[in-house]
Each structure stands twice: as structure tokens, then as C-alpha cells.
Amino acid sequence: MPPPIQTVRKARRLRRELTLPEVLVWQGLRKAPVGIKFRRQHPVGPFVLDFYCPSVKAGIEIDGVAHDMGRNPQRDAERDAWLRERGIRTIRIPARDVLRDVDGVVAAIVVACRER
């Protein structure tokens, strides 16, 4: 079942508005390291994943500080559960880790996807 059109439109907009940590990760992932392909700002149901690896059904989320505030942790858990019910595993990475060591983060994502 395809995602709703409003989710597709949101994904297109988000592709033009990547955050700095997302840009850095995308620069490493878009080269399809070790043959693993990734998509950026990929719509799934009502959600848009920062990155998606279709071969292993893994969603990669780069979480800024807002994800730790208010009701956001609960919302993230509910979203992860919804995705898990559809066979998609979520890998959450703090944006600060990307800014500290982007190469290490990209390598860890690739390893996680290869192991799956």
C-alpha cells in the first residue's frame, strides 16, 4: 500500500531541507557502501524516514535534541513500534554523534545493515 500523497509531498520537501547531520550521513550512504543502497527521506505510511535501506528493511533516524524533549520520546517509541509491526527495524543515532564522527556513524550503519 503506497504512502498517502501528503507524506510523499513532505518527503520531497524534506529532501530539499536536510539538516547538517543528515547531509553528512547522506554523503557517506549515497555511494552505496559495499553494495548496500539507501534512500533519503523515504515515506512509509504516515511517516518519513531520514534514511531507508530497502534490502534489509532498516530505517535510520538522525535524532536532534528535540527528540529528547516533551512527548517526543514516547512518539518516537510509538513510531518505532508501528514500523516494527511492518517489518522495519529502526536505528536511532543522535545528531551529536554524527557531528563528532560522521565516518564512524556511517560505518556503524553499514555494519548494522550488513548484519541484518
Protein backbone atom coordinates (compact mmCIF):
# COMPACT_ATOMS: atom_id res chain seq x y z
CA MET A 1 0.00 0.00 0.00
CA PRO A 2 1.60 3.29 -1.06
CA PRO A 3 2.02 6.10 1.47
CA PRO A 4 -0.51 8.94 1.48
CA ILE A 5 0.21 11.72 -1.03
CA GLN A 6 0.74 14.25 1.79
CA THR A 7 3.52 12.02 3.17
CA VAL A 8 5.14 11.83 -0.27
CA ARG A 9 4.97 15.63 -0.56
CA LYS A 10 6.51 16.00 2.90
CA ALA A 11 9.33 13.61 1.93
CA ARG A 12 10.07 15.66 -1.20
CA ARG A 13 10.20 18.86 0.85
CA LEU A 14 12.43 17.27 3.49
CA ARG A 15 14.88 16.11 0.79
CA ARG A 16 15.44 19.78 -0.02
CA GLU A 17 15.78 20.73 3.67
CA LEU A 18 18.19 18.17 5.12
CA THR A 19 19.83 19.11 8.41
CA LEU A 20 23.64 19.25 8.56
CA PRO A 21 23.92 15.83 10.28
CA GLU A 22 21.59 14.34 7.62
CA VAL A 23 23.67 15.88 4.81
CA LEU A 24 26.85 14.43 6.30
CA VAL A 25 25.37 10.94 6.68
CA TRP A 26 23.85 11.06 3.19
CA GLN A 27 27.24 11.91 1.67
CA GLY A 28 28.53 8.62 3.08
CA LEU A 29 25.48 6.46 2.39
CA ARG A 30 24.59 7.59 -1.12
CA LYS A 31 27.71 5.94 -2.52
CA ALA A 32 26.10 2.55 -1.75
CA PRO A 33 28.93 1.32 0.50
CA VAL A 34 29.70 -2.38 -0.05
CA GLY A 35 26.77 -2.54 -2.46
CA ILE A 36 24.13 -1.57 0.11
CA LYS A 37 21.70 1.01 -1.25
CA PHE A 38 19.99 3.67 0.83
CA ARG A 39 17.21 6.15 0.20
CA ARG A 40 16.89 9.52 1.92
CA GLN A 41 13.67 10.94 3.33
CA HIS A 42 11.74 7.81 2.42
CA PRO A 43 7.94 7.82 3.01
CA VAL A 44 6.46 4.81 4.82
CA GLY A 45 2.78 5.01 5.73
CA PRO A 46 2.25 8.29 7.58
CA PHE A 47 5.97 8.67 8.37
CA VAL A 48 9.11 9.85 6.58
CA LEU A 49 12.31 8.01 7.50
CA ASP A 50 15.55 10.02 7.37
CA PHE A 51 17.20 7.10 5.56
CA TYR A 52 15.96 3.69 4.49
CA CYS A 53 17.79 0.54 3.43
CA PRO A 54 15.21 -1.44 1.43
CA SER A 55 17.24 -4.64 1.14
CA VAL A 56 17.14 -5.20 4.90
CA LYS A 57 14.10 -3.08 5.79
CA ALA A 58 16.03 -0.77 8.11
CA GLY A 59 15.08 2.82 8.83
CA ILE A 60 17.81 5.14 10.07
CA GLU A 61 16.79 8.18 12.11
CA ILE A 62 19.17 11.00 12.97
CA ASP A 63 17.78 12.45 16.20
CA GLY A 64 18.44 16.05 17.21
CA VAL A 65 17.97 17.31 20.76
CA ALA A 66 14.23 17.85 20.18
CA HIS A 67 13.75 14.07 20.25
CA ASP A 68 14.61 14.11 23.97
CA MET A 69 12.04 16.77 24.87
CA GLY A 70 8.44 16.62 25.99
CA ARG A 71 6.35 13.87 24.47
CA ASN A 72 8.81 13.20 21.65
CA PRO A 73 10.45 10.12 23.20
CA GLN A 74 7.01 8.50 23.54
CA ARG A 75 6.09 9.50 19.98
CA ASP A 76 9.36 8.02 18.70
CA ALA A 77 8.66 4.76 20.55
CA GLU A 78 5.15 4.58 19.08
CA ARG A 79 6.51 5.28 15.60
CA ASP A 80 9.23 2.62 16.01
CA ALA A 81 6.58 0.10 17.14
CA TRP A 82 4.40 0.92 14.10
CA LEU A 83 7.38 0.39 11.80
CA ARG A 84 8.41 -2.82 13.60
CA GLU A 85 4.90 -4.23 13.04
CA ARG A 86 5.58 -3.77 9.34
CA GLY A 87 8.98 -5.46 9.49
CA ILE A 88 11.08 -2.29 9.52
CA ARG A 89 13.76 -2.02 12.19
CA THR A 90 14.65 1.49 13.31
CA ILE A 91 18.21 2.52 14.04
CA ARG A 92 18.33 5.80 16.00
CA ILE A 93 21.51 7.86 16.04
CA PRO A 94 21.97 11.10 17.99
CA ALA A 95 22.86 14.01 15.72
CA ARG A 96 25.70 14.93 18.08
CA ASP A 97 27.35 11.56 17.31
CA VAL A 98 27.22 12.38 13.59
CA LEU A 99 28.85 15.75 14.19
CA ARG A 100 31.59 14.15 16.31
CA ASP A 101 32.42 11.24 13.97
CA VAL A 102 30.46 11.02 10.75
CA ASP A 103 32.71 8.32 9.27
CA GLY A 104 32.24 6.16 12.36
CA VAL A 105 28.46 6.63 12.23
CA VAL A 106 28.28 5.75 8.52
CA ALA A 107 30.45 2.67 9.14
CA ALA A 108 28.20 1.60 12.04
CA ILE A 109 25.08 1.98 9.87
CA VAL A 110 26.64 -0.14 7.13
CA VAL A 111 27.68 -2.84 9.63
CA ALA A 112 24.18 -2.89 11.17
CA CYS A 113 22.62 -3.29 7.72
CA ARG A 114 25.10 -5.98 6.64
CA GLU A 115 24.44 -7.97 9.81
CA ARG A 116 20.72 -7.91 9.19
